[in-house]
């Protein structure tokens, strides 16, 4: 069996990082969005921590890593098709 190409490993790592940041976005913002909107800035939650609108920033790296994974997968498919035509 051939070892995986670096681009495949990069796509996998990017997907895993995207999942991590998406989970952080969900935990820090999405779950509490109604409470944050009602309070107009922050919301004190059980466990004595403040949920704020700043939690929405976790979506930025999540989207970046998911986009990178899509691009890397597209490059992998494109390079496979190109090499099979030769």
PDB file of N, CA and C in Angstrom:
ATOM      1  N   UNK A   1       0.840  -1.183   0.000  1.00  0.00           N
ATOM      2  CA  UNK A   1       0.000   0.000   0.000  1.00  0.00           C
ATOM      3  C   UNK A   1       0.882   1.242   0.000  1.00  0.00           C
ATOM      4  N   UNK A   2       0.517   2.203  -0.840  1.00  0.00           N
ATOM      5  CA  UNK A   2       1.291   3.440  -0.935  1.00  0.00           C
ATOM      6  C   UNK A   2       0.987   4.351   0.244  1.00  0.00           C
ATOM      7  N   UNK A   3       2.008   5.088   0.699  1.00  0.00           N
ATOM      8  CA  UNK A   3       1.739   6.069   1.762  1.00  0.00           C
ATOM      9  C   UNK A   3       0.908   7.223   1.205  1.00  0.00           C
ATOM     10  N   UNK A   4       0.093   7.859   2.029  1.00  0.00           N
ATOM     11  CA  UNK A   4      -0.728   8.974   1.540  1.00  0.00           C
ATOM     12  C   UNK A   4       0.140  10.161   1.137  1.00  0.00           C
ATOM     13  N   UNK A   5      -0.309  10.872   0.124  1.00  0.00           N
ATOM     14  CA  UNK A   5       0.433  12.045  -0.341  1.00  0.00           C
ATOM     15  C   UNK A   5       0.290  13.178   0.664  1.00  0.00           C
ATOM     16  N   UNK A   6       1.278  14.076   0.693  1.00  0.00           N
ATOM     17  CA  UNK A   6       1.211  15.201   1.639  1.00  0.00           C
ATOM     18  C   UNK A   6      -0.051  16.042   1.485  1.00  0.00           C
ATOM     19  N   UNK A   7      -0.547  16.182   0.258  1.00  0.00           N
ATOM     20  CA  UNK A   7      -1.746  17.005   0.054  1.00  0.00           C
ATOM     21  C   UNK A   7      -2.967  16.340   0.690  1.00  0.00           C
ATOM     22  N   UNK A   8      -2.994  15.013   0.704  1.00  0.00           N
ATOM     23  CA  UNK A   8      -4.088  14.294   1.348  1.00  0.00           C
ATOM     24  C   UNK A   8      -4.030  14.484   2.862  1.00  0.00           C
ATOM     25  N   UNK A   9      -2.829  14.418   3.415  1.00  0.00           N
ATOM     26  CA  UNK A   9      -2.669  14.634   4.853  1.00  0.00           C
ATOM     27  C   UNK A   9      -3.017  16.067   5.230  1.00  0.00           C
ATOM     28  N   UNK A  10      -2.652  17.023   4.381  1.00  0.00           N
ATOM     29  CA  UNK A  10      -2.983  18.427   4.649  1.00  0.00           C
ATOM     30  C   UNK A  10      -4.495  18.637   4.610  1.00  0.00           C
ATOM     31  N   UNK A  11      -5.171  17.997   3.668  1.00  0.00           N
ATOM     32  CA  UNK A  11      -6.631  18.116   3.590  1.00  0.00           C
ATOM     33  C   UNK A  11      -7.287  17.508   4.828  1.00  0.00           C
ATOM     34  N   UNK A  12      -6.768  16.386   5.290  1.00  0.00           N
ATOM     35  CA  UNK A  12      -7.305  15.752   6.493  1.00  0.00           C
ATOM     36  C   UNK A  12      -7.070  16.633   7.720  1.00  0.00           C
ATOM     37  N   UNK A  13      -5.861  17.169   7.853  1.00  0.00           N
ATOM     38  CA  UNK A  13      -5.554  18.048   8.988  1.00  0.00           C
ATOM     39  C   UNK A  13      -6.421  19.297   8.958  1.00  0.00           C
ATOM     40  N   UNK A  14      -6.620  19.848   7.774  1.00  0.00           N
ATOM     41  CA  UNK A  14      -7.448  21.043   7.634  1.00  0.00           C
ATOM     42  C   UNK A  14      -8.902  20.751   8.007  1.00  0.00           C
ATOM     43  N   UNK A  15      -9.392  19.601   7.623  1.00  0.00           N
ATOM     44  CA  UNK A  15     -10.757  19.210   7.983  1.00  0.00           C
ATOM     45  C   UNK A  15     -10.898  19.048   9.495  1.00  0.00           C
ATOM     46  N   UNK A  16      -9.923  18.408  10.114  1.00  0.00           N
ATOM     47  CA  UNK A  16      -9.975  18.223  11.570  1.00  0.00           C
ATOM     48  C   UNK A  16      -9.910  19.560  12.304  1.00  0.00           C
ATOM     49  N   UNK A  17      -9.064  20.476  11.845  1.00  0.00           N
ATOM     50  CA  UNK A  17      -9.003  21.802  12.461  1.00  0.00           C
ATOM     51  C   UNK A  17     -10.313  22.554  12.255  1.00  0.00           C
ATOM     52  N   UNK A  18     -10.894  22.419  11.064  1.00  0.00           N
ATOM     53  CA  UNK A  18     -12.186  23.045  10.808  1.00  0.00           C
ATOM     54  C   UNK A  18     -13.264  22.523  11.745  1.00  0.00           C
ATOM     55  N   UNK A  19     -13.257  21.217  11.989  1.00  0.00           N
ATOM     56  CA  UNK A  19     -14.223  20.629  12.923  1.00  0.00           C
ATOM     57  C   UNK A  19     -14.004  21.131  14.348  1.00  0.00           C
ATOM     58  N   UNK A  20     -12.745  21.255  14.756  1.00  0.00           N
ATOM     59  CA  UNK A  20     -12.444  21.768  16.092  1.00  0.00           C
ATOM     60  C   UNK A  20     -12.985  23.182  16.266  1.00  0.00           C
ATOM     61  N   UNK A  21     -12.703  24.065  15.301  1.00  0.00           N
ATOM     62  CA  UNK A  21     -13.149  25.449  15.420  1.00  0.00           C
ATOM     63  C   UNK A  21     -14.666  25.571  15.267  1.00  0.00           C
ATOM     64  N   UNK A  22     -15.274  24.705  14.463  1.00  0.00           N
ATOM     65  CA  UNK A  22     -16.736  24.714  14.353  1.00  0.00           C
ATOM     66  C   UNK A  22     -17.372  24.303  15.680  1.00  0.00           C
ATOM     67  N   UNK A  23     -16.776  23.335  16.351  1.00  0.00           N
ATOM     68  CA  UNK A  23     -17.284  22.928  17.664  1.00  0.00           C
ATOM     69  C   UNK A  23     -17.113  24.058  18.681  1.00  0.00           C
ATOM     70  N   UNK A  24     -15.969  24.736  18.633  1.00  0.00           N
ATOM     71  CA  UNK A  24     -15.747  25.874  19.537  1.00  0.00           C
ATOM     72  C   UNK A  24     -16.772  26.975  19.266  1.00  0.00           C
ATOM     73  N   UNK A  25     -17.077  27.229  17.997  1.00  0.00           N
ATOM     74  CA  UNK A  25     -18.090  28.222  17.634  1.00  0.00           C
ATOM     75  C   UNK A  25     -19.447  27.827  18.208  1.00  0.00           C
ATOM     76  N   UNK A  26     -19.788  26.560  18.087  1.00  0.00           N
ATOM     77  CA  UNK A  26     -21.074  26.090  18.603  1.00  0.00           C
ATOM     78  C   UNK A  26     -21.147  26.250  20.122  1.00  0.00           C
ATOM     79  N   UNK A  27     -20.098  25.827  20.805  1.00  0.00           N
ATOM     80  CA  UNK A  27     -20.090  25.869  22.272  1.00  0.00           C
ATOM     81  C   UNK A  27     -20.067  27.306  22.797  1.00  0.00           C
ATOM     82  N   UNK A  28     -19.269  28.177  22.176  1.00  0.00           N
ATOM     83  CA  UNK A  28     -19.066  29.516  22.707  1.00  0.00           C
ATOM     84  C   UNK A  28     -20.106  30.530  22.235  1.00  0.00           C
ATOM     85  N   UNK A  29     -20.786  30.257  21.098  1.00  0.00           N
ATOM     86  CA  UNK A  29     -21.725  31.261  20.596  1.00  0.00           C
ATOM     87  C   UNK A  29     -23.088  30.684  20.193  1.00  0.00           C
ATOM     88  N   UNK A  30     -23.098  29.753  19.266  1.00  0.00           N
ATOM     89  CA  UNK A  30     -24.349  29.317  18.634  1.00  0.00           C
ATOM     90  C   UNK A  30     -25.367  28.791  19.643  1.00  0.00           C
ATOM     91  N   UNK A  31     -24.908  28.037  20.626  1.00  0.00           N
ATOM     92  CA  UNK A  31     -25.821  27.477  21.615  1.00  0.00           C
ATOM     93  C   UNK A  31     -26.502  28.578  22.429  1.00  0.00           C
ATOM     94  N   UNK A  32     -25.847  29.712  22.634  1.00  0.00           N
ATOM     95  CA  UNK A  32     -26.346  30.786  23.490  1.00  0.00           C
ATOM     96  C   UNK A  32     -26.800  32.014  22.710  1.00  0.00           C
ATOM     97  N   UNK A  33     -26.946  31.931  21.400  1.00  0.00           N
ATOM     98  CA  UNK A  33     -27.225  33.113  20.577  1.00  0.00           C
ATOM     99  C   UNK A  33     -28.519  33.829  20.963  1.00  0.00           C
ATOM    100  N   UNK A  34     -29.559  33.100  21.361  1.00  0.00           N
ATOM    101  CA  UNK A  34     -30.814  33.745  21.757  1.00  0.00           C
ATOM    102  C   UNK A  34     -30.644  34.547  23.044  1.00  0.00           C
ATOM    103  N   UNK A  35     -29.952  33.987  23.998  1.00  0.00           N
ATOM    104  CA  UNK A  35     -29.699  34.682  25.262  1.00  0.00           C
ATOM    105  C   UNK A  35     -28.822  35.914  25.032  1.00  0.00           C
ATOM    106  N   UNK A  36     -27.814  35.791  24.182  1.00  0.00           N
ATOM    107  CA  UNK A  36     -26.928  36.920  23.878  1.00  0.00           C
ATOM    108  C   UNK A  36     -27.712  38.024  23.182  1.00  0.00           C
ATOM    109  N   UNK A  37     -28.577  37.658  22.239  1.00  0.00           N
ATOM    110  CA  UNK A  37     -29.376  38.661  21.528  1.00  0.00           C
ATOM    111  C   UNK A  37     -30.336  39.367  22.477  1.00  0.00           C
ATOM    112  N   UNK A  38     -30.916  38.642  23.411  1.00  0.00           N
ATOM    113  CA  UNK A  38     -31.847  39.247  24.364  1.00  0.00           C
ATOM    114  C   UNK A  38     -31.124  40.195  25.318  1.00  0.00           C
ATOM    115  N   UNK A  39     -29.901  39.862  25.687  1.00  0.00           N
ATOM    116  CA  UNK A  39     -29.131  40.701  26.607  1.00  0.00           C
ATOM    117  C   UNK A  39     -28.418  41.832  25.876  1.00  0.00           C
ATOM    118  N   UNK A  40     -28.350  41.764  24.549  1.00  0.00           N
ATOM    119  CA  UNK A  40     -27.730  42.758  23.671  1.00  0.00           C
ATOM    120  C   UNK A  40     -26.218  42.868  23.800  1.00  0.00           C
ATOM    121  N   UNK A  41     -25.561  42.010  24.508  1.00  0.00           N
ATOM    122  CA  UNK A  41     -24.099  42.010  24.512  1.00  0.00           C
ATOM    123  C   UNK A  41     -23.543  40.717  25.085  1.00  0.00           C
ATOM    124  N   UNK A  42     -23.915  40.394  26.305  1.00  0.00           N
ATOM    125  CA  UNK A  42     -23.396  39.170  26.905  1.00  0.00           C
ATOM    126  C   UNK A  42     -24.467  38.529  27.772  1.00  0.00           C
ATOM    127  N   UNK A  43     -24.230  37.291  28.097  1.00  0.00           N
ATOM    128  CA  UNK A  43     -25.212  36.516  28.847  1.00  0.00           C
ATOM    129  C   UNK A  43     -24.465  35.635  29.842  1.00  0.00           C
ATOM    130  N   UNK A  44     -24.814  35.735  31.105  1.00  0.00           N
ATOM    131  CA  UNK A  44     -24.190  34.886  32.116  1.00  0.00           C
ATOM    132  C   UNK A  44     -24.886  33.531  32.107  1.00  0.00           C
ATOM    133  N   UNK A  45     -24.082  32.499  31.955  1.00  0.00           N
ATOM    134  CA  UNK A  45     -24.613  31.148  31.824  1.00  0.00           C
ATOM    135  C   UNK A  45     -24.268  30.309  33.045  1.00  0.00           C
ATOM    136  N   UNK A  46     -24.952  29.178  33.207  1.00  0.00           N
ATOM    137  CA  UNK A  46     -24.608  28.271  34.311  1.00  0.00           C
ATOM    138  C   UNK A  46     -23.125  27.902  34.231  1.00  0.00           C
ATOM    139  N   UNK A  47     -22.497  27.864  35.363  1.00  0.00           N
ATOM    140  CA  UNK A  47     -21.063  27.614  35.380  1.00  0.00           C
ATOM    141  C   UNK A  47     -20.298  28.912  35.518  1.00  0.00           C
ATOM    142  N   UNK A  48     -21.026  30.035  35.631  1.00  0.00           N
ATOM    143  CA  UNK A  48     -20.451  31.364  35.885  1.00  0.00           C
ATOM    144  C   UNK A  48     -19.495  31.838  34.800  1.00  0.00           C
ATOM    145  N   UNK A  49     -19.818  31.608  33.545  1.00  0.00           N
ATOM    146  CA  UNK A  49     -19.021  32.208  32.476  1.00  0.00           C
ATOM    147  C   UNK A  49     -19.929  33.054  31.615  1.00  0.00           C
ATOM    148  N   UNK A  50     -19.351  34.025  30.974  1.00  0.00           N
ATOM    149  CA  UNK A  50     -20.098  34.969  30.156  1.00  0.00           C
ATOM    150  C   UNK A  50     -20.043  34.556  28.693  1.00  0.00           C
ATOM    151  N   UNK A  51     -21.186  34.377  28.083  1.00  0.00           N
ATOM    152  CA  UNK A  51     -21.249  34.154  26.642  1.00  0.00           C
ATOM    153  C   UNK A  51     -21.410  35.523  25.995  1.00  0.00           C
ATOM    154  N   UNK A  52     -20.532  35.843  25.046  1.00  0.00           N
ATOM    155  CA  UNK A  52     -20.579  37.148  24.385  1.00  0.00           C
ATOM    156  C   UNK A  52     -20.656  36.970  22.880  1.00  0.00           C
ATOM    157  N   UNK A  53     -20.880  38.092  22.188  1.00  0.00           N
ATOM    158  CA  UNK A  53     -20.911  38.052  20.726  1.00  0.00           C
ATOM    159  C   UNK A  53     -19.539  37.745  20.152  1.00  0.00           C
ATOM    160  N   UNK A  54     -18.490  37.902  20.950  1.00  0.00           N
ATOM    161  CA  UNK A  54     -17.144  37.571  20.494  1.00  0.00           C
ATOM    162  C   UNK A  54     -16.976  36.101  20.161  1.00  0.00           C
ATOM    163  N   UNK A  55     -17.851  35.258  20.686  1.00  0.00           N
ATOM    164  CA  UNK A  55     -17.794  33.836  20.369  1.00  0.00           C
ATOM    165  C   UNK A  55     -18.050  33.554  18.903  1.00  0.00           C
ATOM    166  N   UNK A  56     -18.681  34.495  18.216  1.00  0.00           N
ATOM    167  CA  UNK A  56     -18.941  34.322  16.786  1.00  0.00           C
ATOM    168  C   UNK A  56     -17.649  34.321  15.977  1.00  0.00           C
ATOM    169  N   UNK A  57     -16.586  34.863  16.539  1.00  0.00           N
ATOM    170  CA  UNK A  57     -15.303  34.891  15.825  1.00  0.00           C
ATOM    171  C   UNK A  57     -14.717  33.502  15.607  1.00  0.00           C
ATOM    172  N   UNK A  58     -15.168  32.515  16.373  1.00  0.00           N
ATOM    173  CA  UNK A  58     -14.694  31.154  16.169  1.00  0.00           C
ATOM    174  C   UNK A  58     -15.109  30.617  14.799  1.00  0.00           C
ATOM    175  N   UNK A  59     -16.101  31.234  14.181  1.00  0.00           N
ATOM    176  CA  UNK A  59     -16.531  30.776  12.858  1.00  0.00           C
ATOM    177  C   UNK A  59     -15.510  31.119  11.777  1.00  0.00           C
ATOM    178  N   UNK A  60     -14.707  32.147  11.987  1.00  0.00           N
ATOM    179  CA  UNK A  60     -13.739  32.572  10.966  1.00  0.00           C
ATOM    180  C   UNK A  60     -12.689  31.489  10.702  1.00  0.00           C
ATOM    181  N   UNK A  61     -11.964  30.995  11.717  1.00  0.00           N
ATOM    182  CA  UNK A  61     -11.006  29.931  11.407  1.00  0.00           C
ATOM    183  C   UNK A  61     -11.690  28.643  10.947  1.00  0.00           C
ATOM    184  N   UNK A  62     -12.900  28.383  11.436  1.00  0.00           N
ATOM    185  CA  UNK A  62     -13.613  27.184  10.984  1.00  0.00           C
ATOM    186  C   UNK A  62     -13.870  27.258   9.484  1.00  0.00           C
ATOM    187  N   UNK A  63     -14.380  28.385   9.020  1.00  0.00           N
ATOM    188  CA  UNK A  63     -14.635  28.550   7.585  1.00  0.00           C
ATOM    189  C   UNK A  63     -13.340  28.516   6.783  1.00  0.00           C
ATOM    190  N   UNK A  64     -12.288  29.130   7.317  1.00  0.00           N
ATOM    191  CA  UNK A  64     -10.998  29.130   6.621  1.00  0.00           C
ATOM    192  C   UNK A  64     -10.482  27.706   6.433  1.00  0.00           C
ATOM    193  N   UNK A  65     -10.482  26.916   7.489  1.00  0.00           N
ATOM    194  CA  UNK A  65      -9.953  25.556   7.387  1.00  0.00           C
ATOM    195  C   UNK A  65     -10.841  24.656   6.535  1.00  0.00           C
ATOM    196  N   UNK A  66     -12.165  24.831   6.599  1.00  0.00           N
ATOM    197  CA  UNK A  66     -13.036  24.053   5.723  1.00  0.00           C
ATOM    198  C   UNK A  66     -12.815  24.428   4.256  1.00  0.00           C
ATOM    199  N   UNK A  67     -12.638  25.721   3.969  1.00  0.00           N
ATOM    200  CA  UNK A  67     -12.361  26.153   2.596  1.00  0.00           C
ATOM    201  C   UNK A  67     -11.022  25.599   2.119  1.00  0.00           C
ATOM    202  N   UNK A  68     -10.023  25.613   2.983  1.00  0.00           N
ATOM    203  CA  UNK A  68      -8.721  25.058   2.621  1.00  0.00           C
ATOM    204  C   UNK A  68      -8.829  23.566   2.323  1.00  0.00           C
ATOM    205  N   UNK A  69      -9.622  22.849   3.095  1.00  0.00           N
ATOM    206  CA  UNK A  69      -9.808  21.416   2.860  1.00  0.00           C
ATOM    207  C   UNK A  69     -10.470  21.165   1.511  1.00  0.00           C
ATOM    208  N   UNK A  70     -11.463  21.977   1.166  1.00  0.00           N
ATOM    209  CA  UNK A  70     -12.133  21.826  -0.131  1.00  0.00           C
ATOM    210  C   UNK A  70     -11.153  22.095  -1.270  1.00  0.00           C
ATOM    211  N   UNK A  71     -10.364  23.144  -1.140  1.00  0.00           N
ATOM    212  CA  UNK A  71      -9.379  23.474  -2.179  1.00  0.00           C
ATOM    213  C   UNK A  71      -8.350  22.356  -2.307  1.00  0.00           C
ATOM    214  N   UNK A  72      -7.847  21.854  -1.202  1.00  0.00           N
ATOM    215  CA  UNK A  72      -6.855  20.776  -1.251  1.00  0.00           C
ATOM    216  C   UNK A  72      -7.434  19.508  -1.872  1.00  0.00           C
ATOM    217  N   UNK A  73      -8.678  19.190  -1.566  1.00  0.00           N
ATOM    218  CA  UNK A  73      -9.319  18.023  -2.185  1.00  0.00           C
ATOM    219  C   UNK A  73      -9.504  18.231  -3.683  1.00  0.00           C
ATOM    220  N   UNK A  74      -9.872  19.450  -4.075  1.00  0.00           N
ATOM    221  CA  UNK A  74     -10.034  19.747  -5.500  1.00  0.00           C
ATOM    222  C   UNK A  74      -8.701  19.639  -6.233  1.00  0.00           C
ATOM    223  N   UNK A  75      -7.635  20.114  -5.625  1.00  0.00           N
ATOM    224  CA  UNK A  75      -6.305  20.003  -6.235  1.00  0.00           C
ATOM    225  C   UNK A  75      -5.915  18.541  -6.373  1.00  0.00           C
ATOM    226  N   UNK A  76      -6.218  17.754  -5.363  1.00  0.00           N
ATOM    227  CA  UNK A  76      -5.901  16.318  -5.403  1.00  0.00           C
ATOM    228  C   UNK A  76      -6.656  15.630  -6.538  1.00  0.00           C
ATOM    229  N   UNK A  77      -7.939  15.919  -6.678  1.00  0.00           N
ATOM    230  CA  UNK A  77      -8.738  15.319  -7.754  1.00  0.00           C
ATOM    231  C   UNK A  77      -8.237  15.790  -9.109  1.00  0.00           C
ATOM    232  N   UNK A  78      -7.946  17.081  -9.218  1.00  0.00           N
ATOM    233  CA  UNK A  78      -7.467  17.631 -10.490  1.00  0.00           C
ATOM    234  C   UNK A  78      -6.135  17.000 -10.884  1.00  0.00           C
ATOM    235  N   UNK A  79      -5.230  16.826  -9.935  1.00  0.00           N
ATOM    236  CA  UNK A  79      -3.928  16.235 -10.255  1.00  0.00           C
ATOM    237  C   UNK A  79      -4.067  14.760 -10.618  1.00  0.00           C
ATOM    238  N   UNK A  80      -5.002  14.055 -10.008  1.00  0.00           N
ATOM    239  CA  UNK A  80      -5.240  12.652 -10.371  1.00  0.00           C
ATOM    240  C   UNK A  80      -5.774  12.533 -11.792  1.00  0.00           C
ATOM    241  N   UNK A  81      -6.728  13.391 -12.130  1.00  0.00           N
ATOM    242  CA  UNK A  81      -7.297  13.346 -13.485  1.00  0.00           C
ATOM    243  C   UNK A  81      -6.250  13.706 -14.522  1.00  0.00           C
ATOM    244  N   UNK A  82      -5.427  14.683 -14.195  1.00  0.00           N
ATOM    245  CA  UNK A  82      -4.391  15.123 -15.131  1.00  0.00           C
ATOM    246  C   UNK A  82      -3.360  14.017 -15.342  1.00  0.00           C
ATOM    247  N   UNK A  83      -2.963  13.324 -14.280  1.00  0.00           N
ATOM    248  CA  UNK A  83      -1.957  12.266 -14.407  1.00  0.00           C
ATOM    249  C   UNK A  83      -2.525  11.035 -15.109  1.00  0.00           C
ATOM    250  N   UNK A  84      -3.826  10.788 -15.009  1.00  0.00           N
ATOM    251  CA  UNK A  84      -4.407   9.619 -15.671  1.00  0.00           C
ATOM    252  C   UNK A  84      -4.588   9.840 -17.168  1.00  0.00           C
ATOM    253  N   UNK A  85      -4.636  11.095 -17.613  1.00  0.00           N
ATOM    254  CA  UNK A  85      -4.795  11.384 -19.041  1.00  0.00           C
ATOM    255  C   UNK A  85      -3.477  11.272 -19.792  1.00  0.00           C
ATOM    256  N   UNK A  86      -2.371  11.333 -19.094  1.00  0.00           N
ATOM    257  CA  UNK A  86      -1.048  11.301 -19.739  1.00  0.00           C
ATOM    258  C   UNK A  86      -0.661   9.917 -20.111  1.00  0.00           C
TER     259      UNK A  86
END
